Protein backbone atom coordinates (compact mmCIF):
# COMPACT_ATOMS: atom_id res chain seq x y z
CA MET A 1 47.95 8.98 1.69
CA TRP A 2 44.06 7.67 1.00
CA VAL A 3 43.24 4.06 1.45
CA ALA A 4 40.35 2.07 0.37
CA PRO A 5 38.21 0.66 3.54
CA SER A 6 38.94 -2.57 1.15
CA THR A 7 42.35 -2.32 0.77
CA LEU A 8 42.80 -1.54 4.84
CA ARG A 9 40.89 -5.11 5.69
CA ARG A 10 42.66 -7.01 3.35
CA VAL A 11 46.28 -5.83 4.39
CA ALA A 12 45.41 -5.89 8.09
CA HIS A 13 44.08 -9.52 8.24
CA LYS A 14 47.15 -10.54 5.64
CA HIS A 15 49.33 -9.20 8.79
CA GLN A 16 46.33 -10.56 11.67
CA VAL A 17 45.67 -7.39 12.82
CA SER A 18 42.38 -7.05 14.61
CA LEU A 19 40.70 -3.92 13.58
CA PRO A 20 37.65 -2.69 16.23
CA GLU A 21 34.03 -3.53 14.00
CA PRO A 22 31.12 -1.92 14.97
CA PRO A 23 28.01 -3.63 16.95
CA ARG A 24 26.55 -5.94 14.81
CA ARG A 25 22.68 -4.37 14.36
CA ARG A 26 19.89 -6.64 16.00
CA ALA A 27 17.40 -8.60 13.71
CA ALA A 28 14.21 -7.58 13.65
CA PRO A 29 11.97 -9.50 15.48
CA PRO A 30 9.02 -11.36 14.06
CA ALA A 31 6.17 -9.84 12.43
CA ARG A 32 2.78 -9.80 15.13
CA PRO A 33 0.26 -11.74 13.31
CA TRP A 34 -3.03 -10.29 13.42
CA PRO A 35 -6.54 -11.87 14.38
CA GLU A 36 -7.41 -14.97 12.60
CA THR A 37 -10.93 -13.90 12.00
CA ILE A 38 -9.08 -10.87 9.35
CA SER A 39 -9.28 -12.52 5.69
CA TRP A 40 -7.20 -11.49 2.77
CA ALA A 41 -10.18 -9.55 1.09
CA PRO A 42 -11.07 -5.80 0.81
CA ASN A 43 -12.03 -3.87 3.51
CA GLN A 44 -10.19 -5.95 5.47
CA ILE A 45 -6.94 -4.43 5.58
CA TRP A 46 -5.58 -0.78 5.34
CA MET A 47 -2.36 0.82 5.49
CA TRP A 48 -2.13 4.48 6.23
CA ASP A 49 0.62 7.32 6.58
CA GLY A 50 1.30 10.93 6.16
CA SER A 51 3.00 12.81 3.12
CA TRP A 52 4.53 16.41 3.29
CA PHE A 53 3.99 18.23 0.34
CA ARG A 54 6.01 21.13 0.68
CA GLY A 55 4.56 23.79 -2.48
CA ALA A 56 0.83 24.04 -0.05
CA ARG A 57 3.13 23.25 2.91
CA ARG A 58 0.38 20.45 3.93
CA HIS A 59 0.07 17.03 5.34
CA CYS A 60 -1.88 14.38 3.12
CA VAL A 61 -3.19 11.34 5.43
CA ALA A 62 -4.08 8.65 3.02
CA ILE A 63 -5.35 5.45 3.71
CA ILE A 64 -5.03 2.22 1.30
CA ASP A 65 -6.41 -1.22 0.93
CA VAL A 66 -3.84 -3.49 0.88
CA VAL A 67 -5.31 -6.46 -0.98
CA SER A 68 -6.98 -4.29 -3.84
CA ARG A 69 -4.85 -1.21 -3.96
CA TYR A 70 -7.29 0.98 -3.89
CA TRP A 71 -7.02 4.36 -2.56
CA ILE A 72 -9.90 4.51 0.24
CA ASP A 73 -9.52 7.87 1.34
CA TYR A 74 -7.13 10.87 2.69
CA LEU A 75 -7.02 14.18 4.37
CA LEU A 76 -4.94 17.37 3.49
CA THR A 77 -4.29 19.45 6.16
CA PRO A 78 -1.41 21.68 8.01
CA GLU A 79 -1.24 19.57 10.92
CA PHE A 80 -0.56 16.00 11.41
CA SER A 81 -2.03 14.38 14.66
CA ASP A 82 -4.44 12.10 15.87
CA THR A 83 -7.39 14.41 15.74
CA GLN A 84 -6.70 14.30 11.74
CA VAL A 85 -6.42 10.71 11.98
CA GLN A 86 -9.60 10.48 13.90
CA LEU A 87 -11.79 12.76 11.57
CA LEU A 88 -9.68 10.58 8.47
CA PHE A 89 -11.15 7.32 9.68
CA ALA A 90 -14.48 8.28 10.40
CA SER A 91 -14.52 9.88 7.02
CA ALA A 92 -13.47 6.57 5.42
CA LEU A 93 -15.37 3.68 7.76
CA GLU A 94 -18.84 5.73 6.31
CA THR A 95 -17.61 5.87 2.51
CA GLU A 96 -17.12 2.28 2.26
CA GLY A 97 -20.25 1.72 4.33
CA LEU A 98 -18.60 -0.46 7.64
CA LEU A 99 -20.29 1.58 10.39
CA GLY A 100 -22.85 -0.82 9.85
CA LEU A 101 -20.81 -3.62 11.47
CA LEU A 102 -20.26 -1.60 14.77
CA THR A 103 -22.81 -3.96 16.25
CA PRO A 104 -23.42 -3.49 20.21
CA GLN A 105 -22.71 -7.04 20.03
CA ARG A 106 -19.50 -6.40 18.53
CA LEU A 107 -18.80 -4.01 20.54
CA GLY A 108 -19.95 -5.71 23.48
CA LEU A 109 -16.62 -8.20 22.94
CA PRO A 110 -13.76 -7.56 24.85
CA VAL A 111 -10.77 -5.58 23.16
CA ASP A 112 -8.56 -8.48 23.14
CA ASP A 113 -11.07 -10.48 21.02
CA PRO A 114 -10.15 -11.85 18.01
CA ARG A 115 -13.97 -11.36 16.61
CA ARG A 116 -14.14 -7.71 17.64
CA PRO A 117 -12.21 -6.17 14.77
CA ILE A 118 -14.18 -5.31 11.56
CA LEU A 119 -10.50 -4.34 10.10
CA VAL A 120 -6.75 -4.59 10.58
CA ALA A 121 -4.75 -0.80 10.24
CA CYS A 122 -1.31 -1.19 9.30
CA SER A 123 0.95 1.75 10.15
CA ASP A 124 4.55 2.35 11.68
CA ASN A 125 5.40 3.55 14.89
CA GLY A 126 4.84 7.23 14.25
CA PRO A 127 3.63 9.76 17.56
CA GLN A 128 -0.16 9.77 16.15
CA MET A 129 0.08 6.31 15.42
CA THR A 130 1.52 5.52 18.68
CA SER A 131 -0.96 7.82 20.71
CA ASN A 132 -3.33 7.22 23.34
CA ASP A 133 -5.92 9.21 21.82
CA THR A 134 -5.40 7.01 18.57
CA ARG A 135 -5.78 3.89 20.35
CA GLN A 136 -8.94 4.81 22.46
CA PHE A 137 -10.62 5.89 18.93
CA MET A 138 -9.37 2.80 16.85
CA ALA A 139 -10.96 0.39 19.88
CA LEU A 140 -14.19 2.32 19.79
CA VAL A 141 -14.42 1.67 15.93
CA ALA A 142 -13.10 -1.61 16.74
CA ILE A 143 -10.16 -1.39 14.80
CA TYR A 144 -6.46 -3.38 15.12
CA GLN A 145 -3.94 -1.39 15.24
CA HIS A 146 -0.76 -3.25 13.77
CA ARG A 147 2.16 -1.19 13.63
CA GLY A 148 5.46 -2.19 12.26
CA ARG A 149 8.63 -3.39 13.64
CA PRO A 150 11.05 -0.38 14.53
CA HIS A 151 13.76 0.43 11.38
CA THR A 152 12.12 -2.60 9.19
CA PRO A 153 10.22 0.02 6.59
CA THR A 154 9.49 -3.34 4.57
CA ASP A 155 6.58 -3.96 6.89
CA GLN A 156 4.51 -0.51 5.35
CA ALA A 157 5.77 -1.32 1.67
CA HIS A 158 2.43 -0.93 0.40
CA ILE A 159 2.10 2.81 1.50
CA GLU A 160 5.14 3.81 0.84
CA SER A 161 5.15 2.42 -2.74
CA PHE A 162 2.02 4.26 -2.97
CA ILE A 163 3.54 7.61 -2.39
CA GLY A 164 6.52 7.13 -3.96
CA HIS A 165 4.41 6.64 -7.16
CA ILE A 166 1.55 8.98 -6.62
CA LYS A 167 4.54 11.80 -6.45
CA GLY A 168 6.78 10.39 -9.40
CA GLU A 169 3.73 9.92 -11.75
CA TRP A 170 2.19 13.83 -10.78
CA PRO A 171 5.16 15.09 -9.72
CA HIS A 172 2.91 18.81 -10.26
CA LEU A 173 1.38 18.21 -7.01
CA GLU A 174 4.56 19.17 -5.04
CA THR A 175 4.25 22.62 -7.29
CA ILE A 176 0.86 23.60 -6.01
CA THR A 177 1.07 26.13 -3.58
CA ASP A 178 -2.53 26.89 -2.83
CA PRO A 179 -3.90 24.17 -0.72
CA ALA A 180 -7.09 24.57 -1.98
CA ALA A 181 -6.13 23.70 -5.70
CA LEU A 182 -3.84 20.78 -4.05
CA ASP A 183 -6.98 19.41 -2.36
CA VAL A 184 -9.06 19.58 -5.88
CA GLU A 185 -6.28 18.05 -7.80
CA LEU A 186 -5.57 15.46 -5.34
CA ALA A 187 -9.03 14.54 -5.74
CA ARG A 188 -8.91 13.99 -9.59
CA VAL A 189 -5.59 11.83 -9.07
CA ARG A 190 -7.24 9.40 -6.31
CA GLN A 191 -10.35 9.25 -9.66
CA GLU A 192 -7.89 8.78 -12.12
CA TYR A 193 -5.58 6.28 -10.01
CA ASN A 194 -8.41 3.87 -8.99
CA HIS A 195 -10.45 3.97 -11.96
CA LEU A 196 -8.10 4.04 -14.84
CA ARG A 197 -4.60 3.19 -13.69
CA LEU A 198 -3.81 -0.55 -13.93
CA HIS A 199 -1.74 -1.86 -11.13
CA ALA A 200 0.69 -4.06 -11.52
CA GLY A 201 0.77 -5.43 -8.26
CA ILE A 202 -2.99 -6.71 -9.24
CA GLY A 203 -2.42 -8.16 -12.33
CA TYR A 204 -2.57 -5.15 -14.18
CA VAL A 205 -6.60 -4.40 -13.36
CA THR A 206 -7.36 -1.01 -11.49
CA PRO A 207 -7.44 -0.84 -8.28
CA ALA A 208 -11.31 -0.08 -8.12
CA ASP A 209 -12.26 -3.12 -10.16
CA GLU A 210 -10.64 -5.18 -7.52
CA HIS A 211 -11.63 -3.87 -4.74
CA HIS A 212 -15.92 -4.46 -5.97
CA GLY A 213 -14.92 -7.52 -7.03
CA ARG A 214 -14.29 -7.62 -10.59
CA GLY A 215 -10.77 -7.87 -10.73
CA PRO A 216 -10.36 -12.05 -10.85
CA ALA A 217 -12.97 -11.73 -13.83
CA ILE A 218 -11.22 -9.30 -16.25
CA ARG A 219 -8.17 -11.25 -15.30
CA ARG A 220 -9.66 -14.62 -17.02
CA ALA A 221 -11.10 -13.09 -19.81
CA ARG A 222 -7.83 -11.76 -20.68
CA GLN A 223 -6.36 -14.83 -20.34
CA ALA A 224 -8.59 -16.43 -22.44
CA GLY A 225 -8.64 -14.20 -25.07
CA LEU A 226 -4.71 -14.56 -25.60
CA ARG A 227 -5.12 -18.25 -25.56
CA ARG A 228 -7.82 -17.79 -28.09
CA ALA A 229 -5.62 -14.92 -30.16
CA ARG A 230 -3.01 -17.97 -29.63
CA GLN A 231 -4.73 -20.71 -30.90
CA ALA A 232 -6.61 -18.58 -33.84
CA ARG A 233 -2.64 -17.34 -34.56
CA ILE A 234 -1.27 -21.37 -34.98
CA ASP A 235 -4.72 -22.14 -37.30
CA TYR A 236 -3.92 -19.38 -39.36
CA ASN A 237 -0.27 -20.43 -39.67
CA ARG A 238 -1.49 -23.88 -40.88
CA LYS A 239 -3.74 -22.88 -43.43
CA HIS A 240 -1.77 -20.47 -45.35
CA ARG A 241 2.06 -22.12 -44.70
CA ASN A 242 2.18 -22.67 -48.51
CA ASP A 243 1.13 -19.19 -49.30
CA HIS A 244 4.27 -17.69 -48.28
CA PRO A 245 6.97 -16.67 -50.89
CA GLY A 246 10.01 -18.68 -51.25
CA HIS A 247 8.12 -21.72 -49.26
CA ARG A 248 8.95 -25.44 -50.68
CA PRO A 249 6.77 -28.22 -50.23
């Protein structure tokens, strides 16, 4: 006979029978703080990871900005190693105009000095993230590596959500078999994601607007427009309240 586990536990508890229990999972350690000089602003906190596209048999290594949700850059590659990580971050720093921050004075500071990093790069604990070559490159370009806690996927929630949205909203990307065609389509999707798609996590503005400082003004203008529209409806209804059929004064 088959008995549900809950029934077995209830009967065992009733008859005071102790059952072997699996060991309790250890609680995740507290998250590591990042340098105090890093602020909650665009181009201060990046998050990165890779995802496999089975149709073209290629890895897409992507970087997003945690604050603005802006898709910074990506690299489509047949293998995902620390070499690709270095190429991607070098391109992203140049694209975002951050190479000018790598001054001799900054690079001359000790590696553990909180004033040295120009930004934080968050990731999981994959071999590409923990390799010595990646660590040395990040130190060379003054990027502070912040790796999530083991068995705690919520530490990488932003990049996991980003990958899920890309594959969920553009499912045809998984069916493309030509790597060159996939690269062209990813570039188009990145443009649409950054400049057309309204993002719920940043108040329904585009990541490009938030990344380049236009987001707060857009949200304020939207709220002001809603207030004006509400007041216009109230004024109209007060002015025409006697015009409705069946109204009794």
